[in-house]
PDB file of N, CA and C in Angstrom:
ATOM      1  N   MET A   1     246.923 -27.378-206.421  1.00  0.00           N
ATOM      2  CA  MET A   1     247.857 -27.489-205.280  1.00  0.00           C
ATOM      3  C   MET A   1     246.935 -27.594-204.103  1.00  0.00           C
ATOM      4  N   LYS A   2     247.465 -28.377-203.101  1.00  0.00           N
ATOM      5  CA  LYS A   2     246.591 -28.870-201.937  1.00  0.00           C
ATOM      6  C   LYS A   2     246.607 -27.653-200.987  1.00  0.00           C
ATOM      7  N   ASN A   3     245.577 -27.216-200.448  1.00  0.00           N
ATOM      8  CA  ASN A   3     245.565 -26.161-199.479  1.00  0.00           C
ATOM      9  C   ASN A   3     245.655 -26.704-198.133  1.00  0.00           C
ATOM     10  N   ILE A   4     246.903 -26.218-197.450  1.00  0.00           N
ATOM     11  CA  ILE A   4     247.259 -26.728-196.173  1.00  0.00           C
ATOM     12  C   ILE A   4     246.786 -25.852-195.075  1.00  0.00           C
ATOM     13  N   MET A   5     246.280 -24.854-195.421  1.00  0.00           N
ATOM     14  CA  MET A   5     245.853 -23.727-194.311  1.00  0.00           C
ATOM     15  C   MET A   5     244.450 -24.144-193.720  1.00  0.00           C
ATOM     16  N   ALA A   6     244.384 -24.256-192.470  1.00  0.00           N
ATOM     17  CA  ALA A   6     243.190 -24.674-191.839  1.00  0.00           C
ATOM     18  C   ALA A   6     242.169 -23.673-192.005  1.00  0.00           C
ATOM     19  N   ARG A   7     240.879 -24.029-192.189  1.00  0.00           N
ATOM     20  CA  ARG A   7     239.729 -23.286-192.335  1.00  0.00           C
ATOM     21  C   ARG A   7     239.024 -23.184-191.065  1.00  0.00           C
ATOM     22  N   ALA A   8     239.301 -23.957-190.042  1.00  0.00           N
ATOM     23  CA  ALA A   8     238.696 -23.909-188.736  1.00  0.00           C
ATOM     24  C   ALA A   8     239.089 -22.522-187.995  1.00  0.00           C
ATOM     25  N   PRO A   9     238.348 -22.193-187.047  1.00  0.00           N
ATOM     26  CA  PRO A   9     238.628 -21.026-186.184  1.00  0.00           C
ATOM     27  C   PRO A   9     239.920 -21.319-185.666  1.00  0.00           C
ATOM     28  N   VAL A  10     240.770 -20.163-185.319  1.00  0.00           N
ATOM     29  CA  VAL A  10     241.912 -20.205-184.605  1.00  0.00           C
ATOM     30  C   VAL A  10     241.798 -20.618-183.231  1.00  0.00           C
ATOM     31  N   ARG A  11     242.409 -21.304-182.674  1.00  0.00           N
ATOM     32  CA  ARG A  11     242.309 -21.818-181.084  1.00  0.00           C
ATOM     33  C   ARG A  11     243.693 -21.478-180.567  1.00  0.00           C
ATOM     34  N   THR A  12     243.581 -21.642-179.173  1.00  0.00           N
ATOM     35  CA  THR A  12     244.819 -21.558-178.503  1.00  0.00           C
ATOM     36  C   THR A  12     245.837 -22.488-178.941  1.00  0.00           C
ATOM     37  N   PRO A  13     247.110 -22.055-179.144  1.00  0.00           N
ATOM     38  CA  PRO A  13     248.098 -23.048-179.718  1.00  0.00           C
ATOM     39  C   PRO A  13     248.352 -24.331-178.777  1.00  0.00           C
ATOM     40  N   TYR A  14     248.434 -25.413-179.192  1.00  0.00           N
ATOM     41  CA  TYR A  14     248.860 -26.439-178.398  1.00  0.00           C
ATOM     42  C   TYR A  14     250.432 -26.508-178.212  1.00  0.00           C
ATOM     43  N   VAL A  15     250.887 -27.038-177.203  1.00  0.00           N
ATOM     44  CA  VAL A  15     252.384 -27.155-176.908  1.00  0.00           C
ATOM     45  C   VAL A  15     252.724 -28.677-176.917  1.00  0.00           C
ATOM     46  N   ALA A  16     253.759 -28.985-177.645  1.00  0.00           N
ATOM     47  CA  ALA A  16     254.217 -30.360-177.688  1.00  0.00           C
ATOM     48  C   ALA A  16     255.650 -30.404-177.398  1.00  0.00           C
ATOM     49  N   ARG A  17     256.080 -31.277-176.817  1.00  0.00           N
ATOM     50  CA  ARG A  17     257.627 -31.619-176.623  1.00  0.00           C
ATOM     51  C   ARG A  17     258.080 -32.794-177.306  1.00  0.00           C
ATOM     52  N   VAL A  18     259.236 -32.825-177.632  1.00  0.00           N
ATOM     53  CA  VAL A  18     259.976 -33.882-178.369  1.00  0.00           C
ATOM     54  C   VAL A  18     260.323 -34.983-177.233  1.00  0.00           C
ATOM     55  N   LYS A  19     259.894 -36.244-177.433  1.00  0.00           N
ATOM     56  CA  LYS A  19     260.128 -37.278-176.472  1.00  0.00           C
ATOM     57  C   LYS A  19     260.473 -38.550-177.312  1.00  0.00           C
ATOM     58  N   ASN A  20     261.663 -39.067-177.331  1.00  0.00           N
ATOM     59  CA  ASN A  20     262.087 -40.258-177.987  1.00  0.00           C
ATOM     60  C   ASN A  20     261.768 -39.928-179.586  1.00  0.00           C
ATOM     61  N   GLY A  21     262.106 -38.796-179.880  1.00  0.00           N
ATOM     62  CA  GLY A  21     261.960 -38.625-181.378  1.00  0.00           C
ATOM     63  C   GLY A  21     260.588 -38.165-181.881  1.00  0.00           C
ATOM     64  N   ARG A  22     259.614 -38.249-180.835  1.00  0.00           N
ATOM     65  CA  ARG A  22     258.191 -38.090-181.194  1.00  0.00           C
ATOM     66  C   ARG A  22     257.608 -36.894-180.551  1.00  0.00           C
ATOM     67  N   LEU A  23     256.597 -36.134-181.206  1.00  0.00           N
ATOM     68  CA  LEU A  23     256.041 -34.951-180.578  1.00  0.00           C
ATOM     69  C   LEU A  23     254.907 -35.447-179.684  1.00  0.00           C
ATOM     70  N   VAL A  24     254.904 -34.983-178.400  1.00  0.00           N
ATOM     71  CA  VAL A  24     254.018 -35.418-177.426  1.00  0.00           C
ATOM     72  C   VAL A  24     253.339 -34.089-176.952  1.00  0.00           C
ATOM     73  N   LEU A  25     252.085 -34.020-177.057  1.00  0.00           N
ATOM     74  CA  LEU A  25     251.294 -32.873-176.504  1.00  0.00           C
ATOM     75  C   LEU A  25     251.244 -32.855-174.983  1.00  0.00           C
ATOM     76  N   ASP A  26     251.162 -31.703-174.365  1.00  0.00           N
ATOM     77  CA  ASP A  26     251.103 -31.556-172.875  1.00  0.00           C
ATOM     78  C   ASP A  26     249.756 -31.902-172.557  1.00  0.00           C
ATOM     79  N   VAL A  27     248.675 -31.742-173.295  1.00  0.00           N
ATOM     80  CA  VAL A  27     247.350 -31.855-172.978  1.00  0.00           C
ATOM     81  C   VAL A  27     246.577 -32.585-173.993  1.00  0.00           C
ATOM     82  N   PRO A  28     245.512 -33.415-173.677  1.00  0.00           N
ATOM     83  CA  PRO A  28     244.716 -33.958-174.623  1.00  0.00           C
ATOM     84  C   PRO A  28     244.050 -32.893-175.686  1.00  0.00           C
ATOM     85  N   THR A  29     243.620 -33.357-176.793  1.00  0.00           N
ATOM     86  CA  THR A  29     243.128 -32.589-177.785  1.00  0.00           C
ATOM     87  C   THR A  29     241.785 -32.963-178.093  1.00  0.00           C
ATOM     88  N   ASP A  30     240.754 -32.053-178.709  1.00  0.00           N
ATOM     89  CA  ASP A  30     239.626 -32.423-179.198  1.00  0.00           C
ATOM     90  C   ASP A  30     239.625 -32.594-180.721  1.00  0.00           C
ATOM     91  N   LEU A  31     240.768 -32.574-181.285  1.00  0.00           N
ATOM     92  CA  LEU A  31     240.890 -32.761-182.755  1.00  0.00           C
ATOM     93  C   LEU A  31     240.300 -34.079-183.163  1.00  0.00           C
ATOM     94  N   PRO A  32     239.696 -34.050-184.479  1.00  0.00           N
ATOM     95  CA  PRO A  32     239.249 -35.399-184.833  1.00  0.00           C
ATOM     96  C   PRO A  32     240.331 -36.275-185.331  1.00  0.00           C
ATOM     97  N   GLU A  33     240.043 -37.623-185.345  1.00  0.00           N
ATOM     98  CA  GLU A  33     241.006 -38.621-185.659  1.00  0.00           C
ATOM     99  C   GLU A  33     241.439 -38.341-186.981  1.00  0.00           C
ATOM    100  N   GLY A  34     242.719 -38.518-187.283  1.00  0.00           N
ATOM    101  CA  GLY A  34     243.258 -38.351-188.639  1.00  0.00           C
ATOM    102  C   GLY A  34     243.392 -36.755-189.029  1.00  0.00           C
ATOM    103  N   ALA A  35     243.135 -35.873-188.310  1.00  0.00           N
ATOM    104  CA  ALA A  35     243.414 -34.488-188.581  1.00  0.00           C
ATOM    105  C   ALA A  35     244.839 -34.202-188.688  1.00  0.00           C
ATOM    106  N   GLU A  36     245.228 -33.410-189.895  1.00  0.00           N
ATOM    107  CA  GLU A  36     246.544 -32.935-189.976  1.00  0.00           C
ATOM    108  C   GLU A  36     246.550 -31.556-189.365  1.00  0.00           C
ATOM    109  N   VAL A  37     247.933 -31.347-188.798  1.00  0.00           N
ATOM    110  CA  VAL A  37     248.081 -30.231-188.047  1.00  0.00           C
ATOM    111  C   VAL A  37     249.603 -29.787-188.814  1.00  0.00           C
ATOM    112  N   VAL A  38     249.796 -28.454-188.762  1.00  0.00           N
ATOM    113  CA  VAL A  38     250.988 -27.793-189.060  1.00  0.00           C
ATOM    114  C   VAL A  38     251.716 -27.302-187.901  1.00  0.00           C
ATOM    115  N   LEU A  39     252.976 -27.838-187.851  1.00  0.00           N
ATOM    116  CA  LEU A  39     253.832 -27.603-186.588  1.00  0.00           C
ATOM    117  C   LEU A  39     254.987 -26.550-186.947  1.00  0.00           C
ATOM    118  N   LEU A  40     255.161 -25.627-186.165  1.00  0.00           N
ATOM    119  CA  LEU A  40     256.081 -24.722-186.360  1.00  0.00           C
ATOM    120  C   LEU A  40     256.941 -24.698-185.067  1.00  0.00           C
ATOM    121  N   VAL A  41     258.274 -24.675-185.274  1.00  0.00           N
ATOM    122  CA  VAL A  41     259.187 -24.689-184.206  1.00  0.00           C
ATOM    123  C   VAL A  41     259.415 -23.306-183.833  1.00  0.00           C
ATOM    124  N   GLU A  42     259.142 -22.951-182.473  1.00  0.00           N
ATOM    125  CA  GLU A  42     259.327 -21.593-182.087  1.00  0.00           C
ATOM    126  C   GLU A  42     260.831 -21.330-181.915  1.00  0.00           C
ATOM    127  N   ASP A  43     261.094 -20.045-182.557  1.00  0.00           N
ATOM    128  CA  ASP A  43     262.532 -19.719-182.469  1.00  0.00           C
ATOM    129  C   ASP A  43     262.612 -18.817-181.197  1.00  0.00           C
ATOM    130  N   GLU A  44     263.935 -18.673-180.948  1.00  0.00           N
ATOM    131  CA  GLU A  44     264.062 -17.722-179.662  1.00  0.00           C
ATOM    132  C   GLU A  44     263.635 -16.311-179.887  1.00  0.00           C
ATOM    133  N   GLY A  45     263.870 -15.803-181.144  1.00  0.00           N
ATOM    134  CA  GLY A  45     263.357 -14.388-181.566  1.00  0.00           C
ATOM    135  C   GLY A  45     261.928 -14.191-181.162  1.00  0.00           C
ATOM    136  N   SER A  46     261.020 -15.114-181.497  1.00  0.00           N
ATOM    137  CA  SER A  46     259.571 -14.854-181.283  1.00  0.00           C
ATOM    138  C   SER A  46     259.156 -15.145-179.666  1.00  0.00           C
ATOM    139  N   ALA A  47     260.054 -15.728-178.910  1.00  0.00           N
ATOM    140  CA  ALA A  47     259.835 -16.056-177.546  1.00  0.00           C
ATOM    141  C   ALA A  47     259.689 -14.797-176.690  1.00  0.00           C
ATOM    142  N   ASP A  48     260.249 -13.728-177.129  1.00  0.00           N
ATOM    143  CA  ASP A  48     260.340 -12.470-176.429  1.00  0.00           C
ATOM    144  C   ASP A  48     259.118 -11.543-176.795  1.00  0.00           C
ATOM    145  N   LEU A  49     258.229 -11.992-177.710  1.00  0.00           N
ATOM    146  CA  LEU A  49     257.065 -11.162-177.849  1.00  0.00           C
ATOM    147  C   LEU A  49     256.055 -10.929-176.850  1.00  0.00           C
ATOM    148  N   THR A  50     255.602  -9.789-176.540  1.00  0.00           N
ATOM    149  CA  THR A  50     254.503  -9.586-175.577  1.00  0.00           C
ATOM    150  C   THR A  50     253.155 -10.237-176.147  1.00  0.00           C
ATOM    151  N   ASN A  51     252.149 -10.451-175.238  1.00  0.00           N
ATOM    152  CA  ASN A  51     250.898 -10.832-175.825  1.00  0.00           C
ATOM    153  C   ASN A  51     250.386  -9.958-176.888  1.00  0.00           C
ATOM    154  N   GLU A  52     250.561  -8.618-176.632  1.00  0.00           N
ATOM    155  CA  GLU A  52     250.016  -7.578-177.542  1.00  0.00           C
ATOM    156  C   GLU A  52     250.809  -7.709-178.947  1.00  0.00           C
ATOM    157  N   GLU A  53     252.115  -7.821-178.905  1.00  0.00           N
ATOM    158  CA  GLU A  53     252.859  -8.108-179.917  1.00  0.00           C
ATOM    159  C   GLU A  53     252.534  -9.367-180.771  1.00  0.00           C
ATOM    160  N   CYS A  54     252.240 -10.401-180.079  1.00  0.00           N
ATOM    161  CA  CYS A  54     251.854 -11.578-180.629  1.00  0.00           C
ATOM    162  C   CYS A  54     250.459 -11.478-181.487  1.00  0.00           C
ATOM    163  N   ALA A  55     249.585 -10.865-180.747  1.00  0.00           N
ATOM    164  CA  ALA A  55     248.302 -10.507-181.353  1.00  0.00           C
ATOM    165  C   ALA A  55     248.462  -9.695-182.559  1.00  0.00           C
ATOM    166  N   GLU A  56     249.290  -8.751-182.526  1.00  0.00           N
ATOM    167  CA  GLU A  56     249.616  -7.847-183.820  1.00  0.00           C
ATOM    168  C   GLU A  56     250.094  -8.712-184.826  1.00  0.00           C
ATOM    169  N   LEU A  57     250.955  -9.578-184.647  1.00  0.00           N
ATOM    170  CA  LEU A  57     251.594 -10.479-185.521  1.00  0.00           C
ATOM    171  C   LEU A  57     250.624 -11.320-186.192  1.00  0.00           C
ATOM    172  N   ILE A  58     249.712 -12.032-185.313  1.00  0.00           N
ATOM    173  CA  ILE A  58     248.716 -12.847-185.713  1.00  0.00           C
ATOM    174  C   ILE A  58     247.818 -12.257-186.828  1.00  0.00           C
ATOM    175  N   GLU A  59     247.366 -10.940-186.312  1.00  0.00           N
ATOM    176  CA  GLU A  59     246.531 -10.170-187.275  1.00  0.00           C
ATOM    177  C   GLU A  59     247.279  -9.819-188.559  1.00  0.00           C
ATOM    178  N   GLU A  60     248.499  -9.497-188.547  1.00  0.00           N
ATOM    179  CA  GLU A  60     249.155  -9.297-189.954  1.00  0.00           C
ATOM    180  C   GLU A  60     249.266 -10.480-190.669  1.00  0.00           C
ATOM    181  N   ILE A  61     249.475 -11.668-190.129  1.00  0.00           N
ATOM    182  CA  ILE A  61     249.436 -12.974-190.842  1.00  0.00           C
ATOM    183  C   ILE A  61     248.064 -13.124-191.467  1.00  0.00           C
ATOM    184  N   ARG A  62     246.872 -12.888-190.581  1.00  0.00           N
ATOM    185  CA  ARG A  62     245.616 -13.117-191.232  1.00  0.00           C
ATOM    186  C   ARG A  62     245.355 -12.055-192.375  1.00  0.00           C
ATOM    187  N   LEU A  63     245.893 -10.944-192.240  1.00  0.00           N
ATOM    188  CA  LEU A  63     245.608  -9.847-193.411  1.00  0.00           C
ATOM    189  C   LEU A  63     246.293 -10.326-194.557  1.00  0.00           C
ATOM    190  N   SER A  64     247.619 -10.965-194.415  1.00  0.00           N
ATOM    191  CA  SER A  64     248.383 -11.457-195.404  1.00  0.00           C
ATOM    192  C   SER A  64     247.678 -12.548-196.166  1.00  0.00           C
ATOM    193  N   ARG A  65     247.139 -13.431-195.423  1.00  0.00           N
ATOM    194  CA  ARG A  65     246.240 -14.571-195.886  1.00  0.00           C
ATOM    195  C   ARG A  65     245.200 -14.128-196.788  1.00  0.00           C
ATOM    196  N   ARG A  66     244.388 -13.191-196.258  1.00  0.00           N
ATOM    197  CA  ARG A  66     243.201 -12.461-196.997  1.00  0.00           C
ATOM    198  C   ARG A  66     243.812 -11.975-198.292  1.00  0.00           C
ATOM    199  N   GLN A  67     244.900 -11.153-198.220  1.00  0.00           N
ATOM    200  CA  GLN A  67     245.425 -10.562-199.489  1.00  0.00           C
ATOM    201  C   GLN A  67     245.715 -11.609-200.489  1.00  0.00           C
ATOM    202  N   TYR A  68     246.459 -12.757-199.970  1.00  0.00           N
ATOM    203  CA  TYR A  68     246.668 -13.789-200.820  1.00  0.00           C
ATOM    204  C   TYR A  68     245.523 -14.532-201.431  1.00  0.00           C
ATOM    205  N   GLU A  69     244.487 -14.547-200.682  1.00  0.00           N
ATOM    206  CA  GLU A  69     243.243 -15.320-201.217  1.00  0.00           C
ATOM    207  C   GLU A  69     242.615 -14.321-202.246  1.00  0.00           C
ATOM    208  N   ALA A  70     242.816 -13.025-202.145  1.00  0.00           N
ATOM    209  CA  ALA A  70     242.105 -12.173-202.980  1.00  0.00           C
ATOM    210  C   ALA A  70     242.857 -11.951-204.422  1.00  0.00           C
ATOM    211  N   GLY A  71     244.255 -12.513-204.417  1.00  0.00           N
ATOM    212  CA  GLY A  71     244.979 -12.392-205.543  1.00  0.00           C
ATOM    213  C   GLY A  71     245.786 -11.167-205.348  1.00  0.00           C
ATOM    214  N   GLN A  72     246.057 -10.619-204.333  1.00  0.00           N
ATOM    215  CA  GLN A  72     246.831  -9.474-204.123  1.00  0.00           C
ATOM    216  C   GLN A  72     248.193  -9.882-203.925  1.00  0.00           C
ATOM    217  N   VAL A  73     248.929 -10.360-204.721  1.00  0.00           N
ATOM    218  CA  VAL A  73     250.241 -10.963-204.400  1.00  0.00           C
ATOM    219  C   VAL A  73     251.195 -10.389-205.505  1.00  0.00           C
ATOM    220  N   VAL A  74     252.515 -10.502-205.184  1.00  0.00           N
ATOM    221  CA  VAL A  74     253.652 -10.124-206.004  1.00  0.00           C
ATOM    222  C   VAL A  74     254.523 -11.357-206.220  1.00  0.00           C
ATOM    223  N   GLU A  75     254.872 -11.780-207.155  1.00  0.00           N
ATOM    224  CA  GLU A  75     256.033 -12.803-207.311  1.00  0.00           C
ATOM    225  C   GLU A  75     257.246 -12.421-206.617  1.00  0.00           C
ATOM    226  N   GLY A  76     257.830 -13.410-205.884  1.00  0.00           N
ATOM    227  CA  GLY A  76     259.016 -13.033-205.157  1.00  0.00           C
ATOM    228  C   GLY A  76     260.115 -12.535-205.829  1.00  0.00           C
ATOM    229  N   GLU A  77     260.375 -13.078-207.013  1.00  0.00           N
ATOM    230  CA  GLU A  77     261.496 -12.550-207.863  1.00  0.00           C
ATOM    231  C   GLU A  77     261.166 -11.091-208.345  1.00  0.00           C
ATOM    232  N   ALA A  78     260.090 -10.804-208.756  1.00  0.00           N
ATOM    233  CA  ALA A  78     259.626  -9.425-209.132  1.00  0.00           C
ATOM    234  C   ALA A  78     259.807  -8.491-207.828  1.00  0.00           C
ATOM    235  N   PHE A  79     259.307  -8.937-206.855  1.00  0.00           N
ATOM    236  CA  PHE A  79     259.623  -8.021-205.522  1.00  0.00           C
ATOM    237  C   PHE A  79     260.969  -7.857-205.222  1.00  0.00           C
ATOM    238  N   MET A  80     261.852  -8.815-205.330  1.00  0.00           N
ATOM    239  CA  MET A  80     263.310  -8.655-204.980  1.00  0.00           C
ATOM    240  C   MET A  80     263.875  -7.637-205.969  1.00  0.00           C
ATOM    241  N   ASN A  81     263.540  -7.771-207.279  1.00  0.00           N
ATOM    242  CA  ASN A  81     264.117  -6.901-208.404  1.00  0.00           C
ATOM    243  C   ASN A  81     263.739  -5.520-208.221  1.00  0.00           C
ATOM    244  N   LYS A  82     262.513  -5.145-207.699  1.00  0.00           N
ATOM    245  CA  LYS A  82     262.063  -3.967-207.396  1.00  0.00           C
ATOM    246  C   LYS A  82     262.745  -3.418-206.151  1.00  0.00           C
ATOM    247  N   LEU A  83     262.939  -4.182-205.142  1.00  0.00           N
ATOM    248  CA  LEU A  83     263.595  -3.856-203.978  1.00  0.00           C
ATOM    249  C   LEU A  83     265.145  -3.397-204.258  1.00  0.00           C
ATOM    250  N   ARG A  84     265.748  -4.343-205.179  1.00  0.00           N
ATOM    251  CA  ARG A  84     267.156  -3.978-205.494  1.00  0.00           C
ATOM    252  C   ARG A  84     267.246  -2.720-206.295  1.00  0.00           C
ATOM    253  N   ALA A  85     266.435  -2.438-207.107  1.00  0.00           N
ATOM    254  CA  ALA A  85     266.344  -1.177-207.830  1.00  0.00           C
ATOM    255  C   ALA A  85     266.293   0.163-206.817  1.00  0.00           C
ATOM    256  N   ARG A  86     265.463  -0.040-205.987  1.00  0.00           N
ATOM    257  CA  ARG A  86     265.331   1.012-204.954  1.00  0.00           C
ATOM    258  C   ARG A  86     266.641   1.263-204.241  1.00  0.00           C
ATOM    259  N   LEU A  87     267.340   0.179-203.896  1.00  0.00           N
ATOM    260  CA  LEU A  87     268.485   0.366-203.119  1.00  0.00           C
ATOM    261  C   LEU A  87     269.813   0.684-203.889  1.00  0.00           C
ATOM    262  N   SER A  88     269.633   0.488-205.184  1.00  0.00           N
ATOM    263  CA  SER A  88     270.791   0.795-206.066  1.00  0.00           C
ATOM    264  C   SER A  88     270.944   2.378-206.183  1.00  0.00           C
ATOM    265  N   PRO A  89     272.193   2.764-206.104  1.00  0.00           N
ATOM    266  CA  PRO A  89     272.567   4.237-206.379  1.00  0.00           C
ATOM    267  C   PRO A  89     272.127   4.621-207.720  1.00  0.00           C
TER     268      PRO A  89
END
């Protein structure tokens, strides 16, 4: 399976806007030619996060990635079955 997670240090996110169906960055980048990037559409729910909350979220995501890489994962179906069992009377 192809690993799509970047191994480069995390940088300030770039902001792009849709113009004529294309994503256009607000500023030039120093990314190498042909570099692939993952784009996430910001939803309204995350727009209300404070800088502190955003930093906490990023750290939790990094922790989850380290746990995944260490093999500390649970299959989604197994997790849901366990959760359902806890919620059942």
